């Protein structure tokens, strides 16, 4: 820990600049992560898209339909 004041020629970064840099880095990292995820690079799967299809509704037994 520095116990002396910095000289006139030296300037510290300051908490505001560090917080701003951290916020910008977080925004850029999240943006690049979403682009990477949406592109599918490195997923190891084929380029075919999986389509989910709903199952057909179950039919009632014929004995229940007679009543």
C-alpha atoms as a PDB file:
ATOM      1  CA  UNK A   1       0.000   0.000   0.000  1.00  0.00           C
ATOM      2  CA  UNK A   2       1.320   3.413  -0.927  1.00  0.00           C
ATOM      3  CA  UNK A   3       1.547   5.789   2.022  1.00  0.00           C
ATOM      4  CA  UNK A   4       2.705   8.881   0.137  1.00  0.00           C
ATOM      5  CA  UNK A   5       0.713  11.118  -2.157  1.00  0.00           C
ATOM      6  CA  UNK A   6       1.474  10.730  -5.863  1.00  0.00           C
ATOM      7  CA  UNK A   7       3.486  13.549  -7.378  1.00  0.00           C
ATOM      8  CA  UNK A   8       1.917  16.060  -9.727  1.00  0.00           C
ATOM      9  CA  UNK A   9       3.130  14.109 -12.782  1.00  0.00           C
ATOM     10  CA  UNK A  10       1.450  10.845 -11.734  1.00  0.00           C
ATOM     11  CA  UNK A  11      -2.304  10.405 -11.884  1.00  0.00           C
ATOM     12  CA  UNK A  12      -4.298   7.477 -10.571  1.00  0.00           C
ATOM     13  CA  UNK A  13      -6.976   5.866 -12.716  1.00  0.00           C
ATOM     14  CA  UNK A  14      -9.730   6.475 -10.227  1.00  0.00           C
ATOM     15  CA  UNK A  15     -12.655   4.300  -9.272  1.00  0.00           C
ATOM     16  CA  UNK A  16     -15.014   5.860 -11.818  1.00  0.00           C
ATOM     17  CA  UNK A  17     -12.757   5.049 -14.772  1.00  0.00           C
ATOM     18  CA  UNK A  18     -12.210   1.496 -13.553  1.00  0.00           C
ATOM     19  CA  UNK A  19     -15.961   0.964 -13.070  1.00  0.00           C
ATOM     20  CA  UNK A  20     -16.638   2.347 -16.562  1.00  0.00           C
ATOM     21  CA  UNK A  21     -14.005   0.062 -18.081  1.00  0.00           C
ATOM     22  CA  UNK A  22     -15.508  -2.911 -16.253  1.00  0.00           C
ATOM     23  CA  UNK A  23     -19.020  -2.076 -17.493  1.00  0.00           C
ATOM     24  CA  UNK A  24     -17.807  -1.740 -21.093  1.00  0.00           C
ATOM     25  CA  UNK A  25     -15.894  -5.032 -20.879  1.00  0.00           C
ATOM     26  CA  UNK A  26     -18.948  -6.820 -19.470  1.00  0.00           C
ATOM     27  CA  UNK A  27     -21.180  -5.448 -22.246  1.00  0.00           C
ATOM     28  CA  UNK A  28     -18.722  -6.435 -24.987  1.00  0.00           C
ATOM     29  CA  UNK A  29     -18.206  -9.888 -23.478  1.00  0.00           C
ATOM     30  CA  UNK A  30     -21.940 -10.539 -23.269  1.00  0.00           C
ATOM     31  CA  UNK A  31     -22.462  -9.326 -26.836  1.00  0.00           C
ATOM     32  CA  UNK A  32     -19.700 -11.506 -28.225  1.00  0.00           C
ATOM     33  CA  UNK A  33     -20.979 -14.479 -26.227  1.00  0.00           C
ATOM     34  CA  UNK A  34     -24.468 -14.114 -27.694  1.00  0.00           C
ATOM     35  CA  UNK A  35     -23.037 -13.879 -31.230  1.00  0.00           C
ATOM     36  CA  UNK A  36     -20.881 -16.960 -30.590  1.00  0.00           C
ATOM     37  CA  UNK A  37     -23.833 -18.903 -29.180  1.00  0.00           C
ATOM     38  CA  UNK A  38     -26.191 -17.980 -32.026  1.00  0.00           C
ATOM     39  CA  UNK A  39     -23.612 -18.853 -34.681  1.00  0.00           C
ATOM     40  CA  UNK A  40     -23.305 -22.431 -33.407  1.00  0.00           C
ATOM     41  CA  UNK A  41     -19.520 -22.479 -33.730  1.00  0.00           C
ATOM     42  CA  UNK A  42     -18.018 -25.297 -31.710  1.00  0.00           C
ATOM     43  CA  UNK A  43     -21.303 -26.984 -30.852  1.00  0.00           C
ATOM     44  CA  UNK A  44     -20.226 -30.236 -32.543  1.00  0.00           C
ATOM     45  CA  UNK A  45     -23.709 -30.813 -33.914  1.00  0.00           C
ATOM     46  CA  UNK A  46     -24.676 -31.032 -37.553  1.00  0.00           C
ATOM     47  CA  UNK A  47     -26.177 -27.995 -39.219  1.00  0.00           C
ATOM     48  CA  UNK A  48     -29.634 -29.541 -39.265  1.00  0.00           C
ATOM     49  CA  UNK A  49     -32.111 -27.857 -37.001  1.00  0.00           C
ATOM     50  CA  UNK A  50     -34.077 -29.974 -34.585  1.00  0.00           C
ATOM     51  CA  UNK A  51     -37.842 -29.604 -34.921  1.00  0.00           C
ATOM     52  CA  UNK A  52     -40.054 -30.596 -32.033  1.00  0.00           C
ATOM     53  CA  UNK A  53     -43.423 -32.071 -32.971  1.00  0.00           C
ATOM     54  CA  UNK A  54     -46.321 -32.421 -30.575  1.00  0.00           C
ATOM     55  CA  UNK A  55     -47.570 -35.931 -29.928  1.00  0.00           C
ATOM     56  CA  UNK A  56     -50.981 -36.912 -31.246  1.00  0.00           C
ATOM     57  CA  UNK A  57     -53.743 -36.742 -28.635  1.00  0.00           C
ATOM     58  CA  UNK A  58     -54.527 -40.088 -27.027  1.00  0.00           C
ATOM     59  CA  UNK A  59     -57.695 -41.768 -28.262  1.00  0.00           C
ATOM     60  CA  UNK A  60     -60.284 -42.920 -25.765  1.00  0.00           C
ATOM     61  CA  UNK A  61     -60.894 -46.671 -25.634  1.00  0.00           C
ATOM     62  CA  UNK A  62     -63.775 -47.888 -27.784  1.00  0.00           C
ATOM     63  CA  UNK A  63     -65.693 -49.125 -24.726  1.00  0.00           C
ATOM     64  CA  UNK A  64     -65.747 -45.584 -23.317  1.00  0.00           C
ATOM     65  CA  UNK A  65     -67.031 -44.149 -26.597  1.00  0.00           C
ATOM     66  CA  UNK A  66     -70.078 -46.454 -26.613  1.00  0.00           C
ATOM     67  CA  UNK A  67     -71.564 -44.900 -23.445  1.00  0.00           C
END
